[in-house]
Amino acid sequence: MALFKKRTVGKPGEWYYCLEHKKVEEGPDCPGKDRFGPYASREEAAHAMSIAAERNLQWENDPRWHDSAARGDDD
């Protein structure tokens, strides 16, 4: 057992979504690699996966992020 526990970054009042446990946390309980956030409210954190899906879809359809040469377009 370790004498000193590594403290995760964050503070109470910030909400996170834990990817490992699939639950909302106030103040980080899990390491940063396993969570999304911080979010302003519990409700916003509860929708973290849908927010991420929407952002991914926006990125996929944003022409500024896609080089036409990489797609094989010669125009």
N, C-alpha and C. Protein backbone atom coordinates (compact mmCIF):
# COMPACT_ATOMS: atom_id res chain seq x y z
N MET A 1 0.84 -1.19 0.00
CA MET A 1 0.00 0.00 0.00
C MET A 1 0.88 1.24 0.00
N ALA A 2 0.55 2.17 -0.84
CA ALA A 2 1.33 3.41 -0.94
C ALA A 2 1.02 4.32 0.24
N LEU A 3 2.03 5.01 0.70
CA LEU A 3 1.85 5.95 1.80
C LEU A 3 1.17 7.23 1.33
N PHE A 4 1.49 7.62 0.10
CA PHE A 4 0.93 8.86 -0.44
C PHE A 4 0.17 8.54 -1.71
N LYS A 5 -1.06 8.96 -1.75
CA LYS A 5 -1.88 8.76 -2.94
C LYS A 5 -1.69 9.95 -3.86
N LYS A 6 -1.46 9.66 -5.14
CA LYS A 6 -1.37 10.75 -6.12
C LYS A 6 -2.72 11.42 -6.21
N ARG A 7 -2.71 12.71 -6.09
CA ARG A 7 -3.95 13.47 -6.16
C ARG A 7 -4.32 13.76 -7.60
N THR A 8 -5.57 13.53 -7.94
CA THR A 8 -6.01 13.86 -9.29
C THR A 8 -6.31 15.36 -9.35
N VAL A 9 -6.17 15.92 -10.52
CA VAL A 9 -6.37 17.35 -10.70
C VAL A 9 -7.86 17.65 -10.79
N GLY A 10 -8.29 18.68 -10.12
CA GLY A 10 -9.68 19.09 -10.16
C GLY A 10 -10.13 19.52 -8.79
N LYS A 11 -11.37 19.96 -8.70
CA LYS A 11 -11.88 20.43 -7.41
C LYS A 11 -13.37 20.16 -7.32
N PRO A 12 -13.89 20.12 -6.11
CA PRO A 12 -15.34 19.94 -5.95
C PRO A 12 -16.11 21.04 -6.68
N GLY A 13 -17.26 20.70 -7.19
CA GLY A 13 -18.05 21.66 -7.97
C GLY A 13 -17.83 21.51 -9.45
N GLU A 14 -16.78 20.77 -9.84
CA GLU A 14 -16.56 20.44 -11.24
C GLU A 14 -17.08 19.03 -11.45
N TRP A 15 -17.73 18.79 -12.56
CA TRP A 15 -18.34 17.50 -12.84
C TRP A 15 -17.60 16.81 -13.98
N TYR A 16 -17.43 15.51 -13.85
CA TYR A 16 -16.71 14.69 -14.82
C TYR A 16 -17.54 13.46 -15.17
N TYR A 17 -17.23 12.87 -16.33
CA TYR A 17 -17.82 11.61 -16.69
C TYR A 17 -16.70 10.59 -16.76
N CYS A 18 -16.79 9.54 -15.94
CA CYS A 18 -15.77 8.50 -15.90
C CYS A 18 -16.05 7.48 -17.00
N LEU A 19 -15.09 7.31 -17.90
CA LEU A 19 -15.23 6.37 -19.01
C LEU A 19 -15.12 4.93 -18.55
N GLU A 20 -14.37 4.69 -17.49
CA GLU A 20 -14.19 3.33 -17.00
C GLU A 20 -15.43 2.83 -16.26
N HIS A 21 -15.96 3.67 -15.37
CA HIS A 21 -17.10 3.27 -14.55
C HIS A 21 -18.45 3.66 -15.15
N LYS A 22 -18.39 4.47 -16.23
CA LYS A 22 -19.60 4.94 -16.92
C LYS A 22 -20.56 5.63 -15.97
N LYS A 23 -20.00 6.60 -15.21
CA LYS A 23 -20.82 7.35 -14.26
C LYS A 23 -20.30 8.77 -14.12
N VAL A 24 -21.15 9.64 -13.58
CA VAL A 24 -20.81 11.04 -13.34
C VAL A 24 -20.16 11.15 -11.97
N GLU A 25 -19.11 11.98 -11.87
CA GLU A 25 -18.40 12.20 -10.61
C GLU A 25 -18.29 13.69 -10.34
N GLU A 26 -18.37 14.07 -9.09
CA GLU A 26 -18.09 15.46 -8.71
C GLU A 26 -16.67 15.51 -8.21
N GLY A 27 -15.90 16.46 -8.76
CA GLY A 27 -14.47 16.45 -8.45
C GLY A 27 -13.94 15.14 -8.98
N PRO A 28 -12.78 15.06 -9.48
CA PRO A 28 -12.36 13.82 -10.11
C PRO A 28 -12.06 12.72 -9.09
N ASP A 29 -12.67 11.56 -9.28
CA ASP A 29 -12.34 10.39 -8.48
C ASP A 29 -11.37 9.50 -9.24
N CYS A 30 -11.45 9.53 -10.55
CA CYS A 30 -10.64 8.65 -11.40
C CYS A 30 -9.55 9.46 -12.11
N PRO A 31 -8.51 8.78 -12.61
CA PRO A 31 -7.43 9.48 -13.32
C PRO A 31 -7.92 10.19 -14.57
N GLY A 32 -7.20 11.21 -14.99
CA GLY A 32 -7.56 12.01 -16.15
C GLY A 32 -7.70 11.21 -17.42
N LYS A 33 -6.94 10.13 -17.57
CA LYS A 33 -7.02 9.32 -18.78
C LYS A 33 -8.35 8.59 -18.91
N ASP A 34 -9.09 8.50 -17.81
CA ASP A 34 -10.35 7.76 -17.79
C ASP A 34 -11.58 8.65 -17.68
N ARG A 35 -11.46 9.94 -17.95
CA ARG A 35 -12.62 10.80 -17.75
C ARG A 35 -12.70 11.91 -18.78
N PHE A 36 -13.92 12.41 -18.98
CA PHE A 36 -14.20 13.61 -19.77
C PHE A 36 -14.58 14.70 -18.78
N GLY A 37 -14.20 15.93 -19.07
CA GLY A 37 -14.61 17.03 -18.22
C GLY A 37 -13.47 17.99 -18.00
N PRO A 38 -13.67 19.01 -17.22
CA PRO A 38 -14.82 19.23 -16.35
C PRO A 38 -16.01 19.84 -17.09
N TYR A 39 -17.18 19.58 -16.55
CA TYR A 39 -18.44 20.15 -17.04
C TYR A 39 -19.01 21.05 -15.96
N ALA A 40 -19.85 21.97 -16.36
CA ALA A 40 -20.41 22.97 -15.44
C ALA A 40 -21.49 22.39 -14.53
N SER A 41 -22.14 21.30 -14.96
CA SER A 41 -23.23 20.74 -14.17
C SER A 41 -23.24 19.22 -14.26
N ARG A 42 -23.95 18.61 -13.35
CA ARG A 42 -24.11 17.15 -13.35
C ARG A 42 -24.81 16.70 -14.63
N GLU A 43 -25.83 17.45 -15.04
CA GLU A 43 -26.60 17.10 -16.24
C GLU A 43 -25.73 17.12 -17.49
N GLU A 44 -24.88 18.14 -17.60
CA GLU A 44 -23.99 18.23 -18.75
C GLU A 44 -23.01 17.06 -18.76
N ALA A 45 -22.47 16.70 -17.62
CA ALA A 45 -21.55 15.57 -17.53
C ALA A 45 -22.25 14.26 -17.88
N ALA A 46 -23.52 14.14 -17.52
CA ALA A 46 -24.28 12.93 -17.82
C ALA A 46 -24.45 12.73 -19.33
N HIS A 47 -24.37 13.82 -20.09
CA HIS A 47 -24.50 13.75 -21.54
C HIS A 47 -23.15 13.79 -22.24
N ALA A 48 -22.09 13.48 -21.54
CA ALA A 48 -20.73 13.59 -22.08
C ALA A 48 -20.53 12.76 -23.35
N MET A 49 -21.07 11.56 -23.38
CA MET A 49 -20.86 10.70 -24.54
C MET A 49 -21.60 11.24 -25.77
N SER A 50 -22.80 11.78 -25.60
CA SER A 50 -23.52 12.34 -26.74
C SER A 50 -22.87 13.64 -27.20
N ILE A 51 -22.34 14.43 -26.26
CA ILE A 51 -21.62 15.66 -26.63
C ILE A 51 -20.39 15.30 -27.45
N ALA A 52 -19.65 14.27 -27.02
CA ALA A 52 -18.46 13.84 -27.75
C ALA A 52 -18.84 13.33 -29.14
N ALA A 53 -19.92 12.58 -29.25
CA ALA A 53 -20.36 12.07 -30.55
C ALA A 53 -20.73 13.21 -31.49
N GLU A 54 -21.42 14.23 -30.97
CA GLU A 54 -21.77 15.39 -31.79
C GLU A 54 -20.53 16.13 -32.26
N ARG A 55 -19.57 16.31 -31.37
CA ARG A 55 -18.33 17.01 -31.75
C ARG A 55 -17.54 16.21 -32.78
N ASN A 56 -17.51 14.90 -32.62
CA ASN A 56 -16.82 14.07 -33.60
C ASN A 56 -17.47 14.17 -34.97
N LEU A 57 -18.80 14.18 -35.00
CA LEU A 57 -19.52 14.30 -36.26
C LEU A 57 -19.25 15.66 -36.92
N GLN A 58 -19.23 16.71 -36.12
CA GLN A 58 -18.92 18.04 -36.65
C GLN A 58 -17.51 18.07 -37.24
N TRP A 59 -16.57 17.44 -36.54
CA TRP A 59 -15.19 17.41 -37.02
C TRP A 59 -15.10 16.62 -38.31
N GLU A 60 -15.78 15.47 -38.37
CA GLU A 60 -15.74 14.64 -39.56
C GLU A 60 -16.29 15.37 -40.79
N ASN A 61 -17.23 16.27 -40.59
CA ASN A 61 -17.88 16.97 -41.70
C ASN A 61 -17.34 18.38 -41.93
N ASP A 62 -16.31 18.77 -41.22
CA ASP A 62 -15.75 20.11 -41.36
C ASP A 62 -14.70 20.11 -42.47
N PRO A 63 -14.96 20.80 -43.56
CA PRO A 63 -14.02 20.78 -44.69
C PRO A 63 -12.65 21.39 -44.35
N ARG A 64 -12.60 22.21 -43.32
CA ARG A 64 -11.29 22.79 -42.95
C ARG A 64 -10.33 21.74 -42.43
N TRP A 65 -10.83 20.60 -41.98
CA TRP A 65 -9.97 19.57 -41.39
C TRP A 65 -9.63 18.46 -42.37
N HIS A 66 -10.12 18.56 -43.59
CA HIS A 66 -9.87 17.51 -44.57
C HIS A 66 -9.18 18.08 -45.79
N ASP A 67 -8.04 17.52 -46.10
CA ASP A 67 -7.27 17.93 -47.27
C ASP A 67 -7.81 17.19 -48.48
N SER A 68 -8.20 17.91 -49.52
CA SER A 68 -8.78 17.27 -50.70
C SER A 68 -7.79 16.32 -51.36
N ALA A 69 -6.50 16.59 -51.30
CA ALA A 69 -5.49 15.70 -51.89
C ALA A 69 -5.45 14.36 -51.15
N ALA A 70 -5.69 14.37 -49.88
CA ALA A 70 -5.67 13.13 -49.08
C ALA A 70 -6.85 12.24 -49.45
N ARG A 71 -7.95 12.83 -49.90
CA ARG A 71 -9.13 12.06 -50.30
C ARG A 71 -9.03 11.58 -51.73
N GLY A 72 -8.05 12.06 -52.45
CA GLY A 72 -7.91 11.66 -53.85
C GLY A 72 -8.60 12.59 -54.81
N ASP A 73 -9.09 13.74 -54.34
CA ASP A 73 -9.72 14.72 -55.21
C ASP A 73 -8.64 15.49 -55.96
N ASP A 74 -8.80 15.64 -57.24
CA ASP A 74 -7.82 16.37 -58.04
C ASP A 74 -8.27 17.80 -58.35
N ASP A 75 -9.44 18.20 -57.89
CA ASP A 75 -9.98 19.53 -58.22
C ASP A 75 -9.26 20.62 -57.49
